[in-house]
N, C-alpha and C. Protein backbone atom coordinates (compact mmCIF):
# COMPACT_ATOMS: atom_id res chain seq x y z
N MET A 1 207.52 178.12 357.05
CA MET A 1 207.54 178.56 358.41
C MET A 1 206.25 178.13 359.07
N MET A 2 206.37 177.57 360.24
CA MET A 2 205.21 177.05 360.95
C MET A 2 204.63 178.03 361.96
N ASP A 3 205.44 178.89 362.50
CA ASP A 3 204.99 179.73 363.60
C ASP A 3 205.92 180.93 363.67
N THR A 4 205.47 182.01 364.29
CA THR A 4 206.36 183.14 364.50
C THR A 4 206.46 183.35 366.01
N VAL A 5 206.54 184.58 366.46
CA VAL A 5 206.70 184.84 367.89
C VAL A 5 205.72 185.91 368.35
N TRP A 6 205.66 186.09 369.65
CA TRP A 6 204.84 187.10 370.29
C TRP A 6 205.28 188.48 369.80
N THR A 7 204.35 189.36 369.58
CA THR A 7 204.59 190.68 368.99
C THR A 7 205.78 191.43 369.58
N PRO A 8 205.97 191.50 370.90
CA PRO A 8 207.11 192.27 371.42
C PRO A 8 208.48 191.75 370.98
N HIS A 9 208.54 190.52 370.51
CA HIS A 9 209.83 189.93 370.10
C HIS A 9 210.01 189.90 368.58
N ARG A 10 209.11 190.54 367.84
CA ARG A 10 209.10 190.42 366.39
C ARG A 10 210.38 190.92 365.72
N PHE A 11 210.92 192.04 366.18
CA PHE A 11 212.10 192.58 365.51
C PHE A 11 213.33 191.71 365.75
N ASP A 12 213.49 191.21 366.97
CA ASP A 12 214.61 190.30 367.26
C ASP A 12 214.47 189.01 366.44
N PHE A 13 213.26 188.52 366.34
CA PHE A 13 213.01 187.29 365.59
C PHE A 13 213.42 187.46 364.12
N VAL A 14 212.97 188.54 363.50
CA VAL A 14 213.28 188.78 362.10
C VAL A 14 214.78 189.01 361.91
N GLU A 15 215.40 189.74 362.81
CA GLU A 15 216.85 189.96 362.72
C GLU A 15 217.61 188.64 362.84
N ASN A 16 217.15 187.75 363.70
CA ASN A 16 217.79 186.43 363.82
C ASN A 16 217.62 185.62 362.53
N LEU A 17 216.46 185.71 361.91
CA LEU A 17 216.25 185.03 360.64
C LEU A 17 217.19 185.58 359.57
N LYS A 18 217.40 186.89 359.59
CA LYS A 18 218.32 187.51 358.63
C LYS A 18 219.76 187.07 358.89
N LYS A 19 220.16 187.05 360.15
CA LYS A 19 221.53 186.66 360.50
C LYS A 19 221.82 185.22 360.08
N LYS A 20 220.83 184.37 360.19
CA LYS A 20 221.00 182.96 359.81
C LYS A 20 220.83 182.76 358.30
N LEU A 21 220.55 183.87 357.61
CA LEU A 21 220.37 183.85 356.15
C LEU A 21 219.24 182.94 355.70
N ILE A 22 218.21 182.82 356.52
CA ILE A 22 217.10 181.95 356.14
C ILE A 22 215.80 182.70 355.86
N LEU A 23 215.76 183.99 356.16
CA LEU A 23 214.51 184.74 355.96
C LEU A 23 214.04 184.65 354.51
N LYS A 24 214.91 184.87 353.58
CA LYS A 24 214.53 184.87 352.15
C LYS A 24 214.30 183.46 351.61
N LYS A 25 214.61 182.44 352.40
CA LYS A 25 214.41 181.05 351.97
C LYS A 25 213.04 180.51 352.39
N ILE A 26 212.27 181.30 353.10
CA ILE A 26 210.95 180.85 353.55
C ILE A 26 210.04 180.72 352.33
N ASP A 27 209.53 179.51 352.11
CA ASP A 27 208.68 179.21 350.95
C ASP A 27 207.21 179.52 351.19
N PHE A 28 206.75 179.33 352.42
CA PHE A 28 205.34 179.53 352.74
C PHE A 28 205.21 179.67 354.25
N HIS A 29 204.08 180.19 354.66
CA HIS A 29 203.77 180.25 356.09
C HIS A 29 202.50 179.48 356.34
N ARG A 30 202.53 178.71 357.39
CA ARG A 30 201.36 177.95 357.80
C ARG A 30 201.38 177.92 359.32
N GLY A 31 200.56 178.73 359.94
CA GLY A 31 200.55 178.79 361.39
C GLY A 31 199.59 177.78 361.98
N LYS A 32 199.93 177.30 363.15
CA LYS A 32 199.03 176.41 363.86
C LYS A 32 198.05 177.20 364.70
N SER A 33 198.49 178.36 365.14
CA SER A 33 197.67 179.23 365.96
C SER A 33 197.86 180.65 365.46
N TRP A 34 196.79 181.40 365.38
CA TRP A 34 196.91 182.74 364.82
C TRP A 34 196.80 183.83 365.88
N GLY A 35 196.89 183.47 367.16
CA GLY A 35 196.93 184.48 368.22
C GLY A 35 198.24 185.24 368.16
N VAL A 36 198.29 186.43 368.77
CA VAL A 36 199.49 187.25 368.68
C VAL A 36 200.72 186.61 369.33
N ASP A 37 200.51 185.63 370.20
CA ASP A 37 201.66 184.95 370.79
C ASP A 37 202.32 183.99 369.80
N HIS A 38 201.61 183.66 368.72
CA HIS A 38 202.16 182.77 367.69
C HIS A 38 202.32 183.45 366.33
N SER A 39 201.63 184.54 366.11
CA SER A 39 201.69 185.21 364.80
C SER A 39 202.11 186.67 364.91
N GLY A 40 202.62 187.05 366.04
CA GLY A 40 202.93 188.45 366.31
C GLY A 40 203.98 189.08 365.42
N SER A 41 204.83 188.28 364.79
CA SER A 41 205.84 188.87 363.90
C SER A 41 205.47 188.70 362.43
N LEU A 42 204.25 188.25 362.18
CA LEU A 42 203.82 188.02 360.80
C LEU A 42 203.91 189.30 359.96
N THR A 43 203.48 190.43 360.50
CA THR A 43 203.53 191.68 359.74
C THR A 43 204.97 192.05 359.41
N THR A 44 205.87 191.90 360.36
CA THR A 44 207.27 192.25 360.15
C THR A 44 207.92 191.31 359.13
N ILE A 45 207.61 190.04 359.21
CA ILE A 45 208.15 189.07 358.25
C ILE A 45 207.64 189.38 356.84
N LEU A 46 206.35 189.65 356.73
CA LEU A 46 205.77 189.88 355.41
C LEU A 46 206.15 191.23 354.82
N GLU A 47 206.68 192.13 355.62
CA GLU A 47 207.28 193.35 355.07
C GLU A 47 208.56 193.00 354.33
N GLU A 48 209.26 191.98 354.78
CA GLU A 48 210.51 191.54 354.18
C GLU A 48 210.29 190.60 352.99
N ILE A 49 209.30 189.74 353.10
CA ILE A 49 209.01 188.76 352.03
C ILE A 49 207.49 188.79 351.76
N PRO A 50 207.03 189.85 351.11
CA PRO A 50 205.59 190.10 351.00
C PRO A 50 204.80 189.10 350.16
N ASP A 51 205.42 188.39 349.27
CA ASP A 51 204.67 187.50 348.37
C ASP A 51 204.60 186.06 348.86
N VAL A 52 205.21 185.75 350.00
CA VAL A 52 205.20 184.37 350.48
C VAL A 52 203.75 183.94 350.74
N PRO A 53 203.35 182.77 350.27
CA PRO A 53 201.97 182.33 350.49
C PRO A 53 201.70 181.94 351.95
N ILE A 54 200.49 182.22 352.38
CA ILE A 54 200.03 181.84 353.72
C ILE A 54 198.92 180.82 353.52
N TYR A 55 199.14 179.59 353.98
CA TYR A 55 198.14 178.53 353.87
C TYR A 55 197.35 178.46 355.16
N CYS A 56 196.04 178.64 355.06
CA CYS A 56 195.19 178.62 356.26
C CYS A 56 193.73 178.47 355.85
N THR A 57 192.89 178.29 356.84
CA THR A 57 191.45 178.16 356.57
C THR A 57 190.83 179.55 356.39
N ALA A 58 189.61 179.57 355.92
CA ALA A 58 188.87 180.84 355.76
C ALA A 58 188.70 181.53 357.12
N ASN A 59 188.47 180.74 358.16
CA ASN A 59 188.36 181.34 359.50
C ASN A 59 189.67 181.96 359.95
N ALA A 60 190.78 181.34 359.57
CA ALA A 60 192.08 181.90 359.93
C ALA A 60 192.31 183.23 359.20
N VAL A 61 191.88 183.32 357.94
CA VAL A 61 191.99 184.58 357.21
C VAL A 61 191.23 185.68 357.95
N LYS A 62 190.03 185.36 358.40
CA LYS A 62 189.23 186.33 359.16
C LYS A 62 189.96 186.75 360.43
N SER A 63 190.54 185.79 361.12
CA SER A 63 191.27 186.07 362.35
C SER A 63 192.49 186.96 362.09
N ILE A 64 193.26 186.60 361.08
CA ILE A 64 194.48 187.35 360.75
C ILE A 64 194.12 188.77 360.32
N GLU A 65 193.15 188.90 359.44
CA GLU A 65 192.76 190.23 358.98
C GLU A 65 192.10 191.03 360.09
N GLY A 66 191.43 190.35 361.02
CA GLY A 66 190.86 191.03 362.17
C GLY A 66 191.93 191.59 363.09
N GLN A 67 193.03 190.88 363.22
CA GLN A 67 194.13 191.33 364.08
C GLN A 67 195.04 192.35 363.42
N TYR A 68 195.34 192.13 362.13
CA TYR A 68 196.37 192.93 361.46
C TYR A 68 195.85 193.80 360.32
N GLY A 69 194.56 193.70 360.03
CA GLY A 69 193.97 194.47 358.95
C GLY A 69 194.13 193.76 357.61
N LYS A 70 193.40 194.24 356.63
CA LYS A 70 193.50 193.67 355.28
C LYS A 70 194.70 194.31 354.60
N ARG A 71 195.70 193.48 354.34
CA ARG A 71 196.96 193.98 353.78
C ARG A 71 197.27 193.41 352.41
N GLY A 72 196.34 192.65 351.84
CA GLY A 72 196.57 192.08 350.53
C GLY A 72 197.56 190.93 350.52
N TRP A 73 197.67 190.24 351.64
CA TRP A 73 198.61 189.13 351.73
C TRP A 73 198.18 187.98 350.84
N ASN A 74 199.11 187.12 350.53
CA ASN A 74 198.94 186.02 349.59
C ASN A 74 198.34 184.79 350.28
N PHE A 75 197.04 184.88 350.62
CA PHE A 75 196.37 183.77 351.29
C PHE A 75 196.01 182.66 350.31
N HIS A 76 196.19 181.43 350.76
CA HIS A 76 195.73 180.24 350.04
C HIS A 76 194.83 179.48 351.01
N VAL A 77 193.54 179.57 350.79
CA VAL A 77 192.57 179.00 351.73
C VAL A 77 192.46 177.49 351.52
N VAL A 78 192.55 176.76 352.62
CA VAL A 78 192.37 175.31 352.61
C VAL A 78 191.12 175.00 353.43
N LYS A 79 190.59 173.79 353.26
CA LYS A 79 189.31 173.45 353.88
C LYS A 79 189.42 172.81 355.25
N THR A 80 190.61 172.54 355.71
CA THR A 80 190.74 171.81 356.96
C THR A 80 191.85 172.39 357.82
N GLU A 81 191.78 172.12 359.10
CA GLU A 81 192.82 172.53 360.04
C GLU A 81 193.84 171.43 360.24
N ILE A 82 193.75 170.32 359.49
CA ILE A 82 194.61 169.17 359.76
C ILE A 82 195.58 168.94 358.60
N PRO A 83 196.57 169.82 358.44
CA PRO A 83 197.54 169.59 357.38
C PRO A 83 198.67 168.69 357.87
N TRP A 84 199.40 168.16 356.91
CA TRP A 84 200.61 167.42 357.21
C TRP A 84 201.74 168.13 356.50
N ILE A 85 202.76 168.49 357.23
CA ILE A 85 203.91 169.15 356.64
C ILE A 85 205.15 168.42 357.11
N SER A 86 205.98 168.01 356.19
CA SER A 86 207.24 167.38 356.53
C SER A 86 208.24 168.45 356.93
N GLU A 87 208.88 168.29 358.07
CA GLU A 87 209.87 169.26 358.50
C GLU A 87 211.23 168.99 357.87
N THR A 88 211.38 167.85 357.19
CA THR A 88 212.66 167.52 356.58
C THR A 88 212.62 167.62 355.07
N GLU A 89 211.44 167.74 354.50
CA GLU A 89 211.28 167.86 353.06
C GLU A 89 210.38 169.05 352.77
N ARG A 90 210.36 169.45 351.55
CA ARG A 90 209.47 170.54 351.17
C ARG A 90 208.18 169.95 350.64
N SER A 91 207.40 169.38 351.53
CA SER A 91 206.15 168.75 351.16
C SER A 91 205.04 169.40 351.95
N LEU A 92 203.91 169.55 351.32
CA LEU A 92 202.76 170.14 351.99
C LEU A 92 201.51 169.46 351.47
N PHE A 93 200.76 168.87 352.38
CA PHE A 93 199.52 168.18 352.01
C PHE A 93 198.40 168.66 352.92
N PHE A 94 197.21 168.77 352.38
CA PHE A 94 196.04 169.11 353.17
C PHE A 94 194.99 168.03 352.93
N LEU A 95 194.37 167.61 354.02
CA LEU A 95 193.29 166.63 353.93
C LEU A 95 191.99 167.36 353.63
N LYS A 96 191.16 166.77 352.79
CA LYS A 96 189.86 167.40 352.50
C LYS A 96 188.76 166.54 353.02
C-alpha cells in the first residue's frame, strides 16, 4: 500500500478495502507523505493487519509516532526517501 486517506474518511476506506477483499492481501505499507491527509487511516488499517511492515525513513518514524503515538508498529527504517516500487509486481528496492 502506498498511501491511505484523510482521517475523516478512514472507516469508509477500510470498509472498501474489506469489500474488495484486498485488506488482508496488503504486504507492506510505504507512504510518500505522512501527513494526516495521506496517512489518516493508518491506525485503522493497522488495527486490522497489525504486523504489516511499514518501510520509511527514521524521520518518518518520528513523524508517525508524533502523530499517532508509539504503538509498536513494524517499522523497517530505510536510509533514503527515494524508493522504487513496481505497481505491477511485488518488488521493493531502496537506493542507498
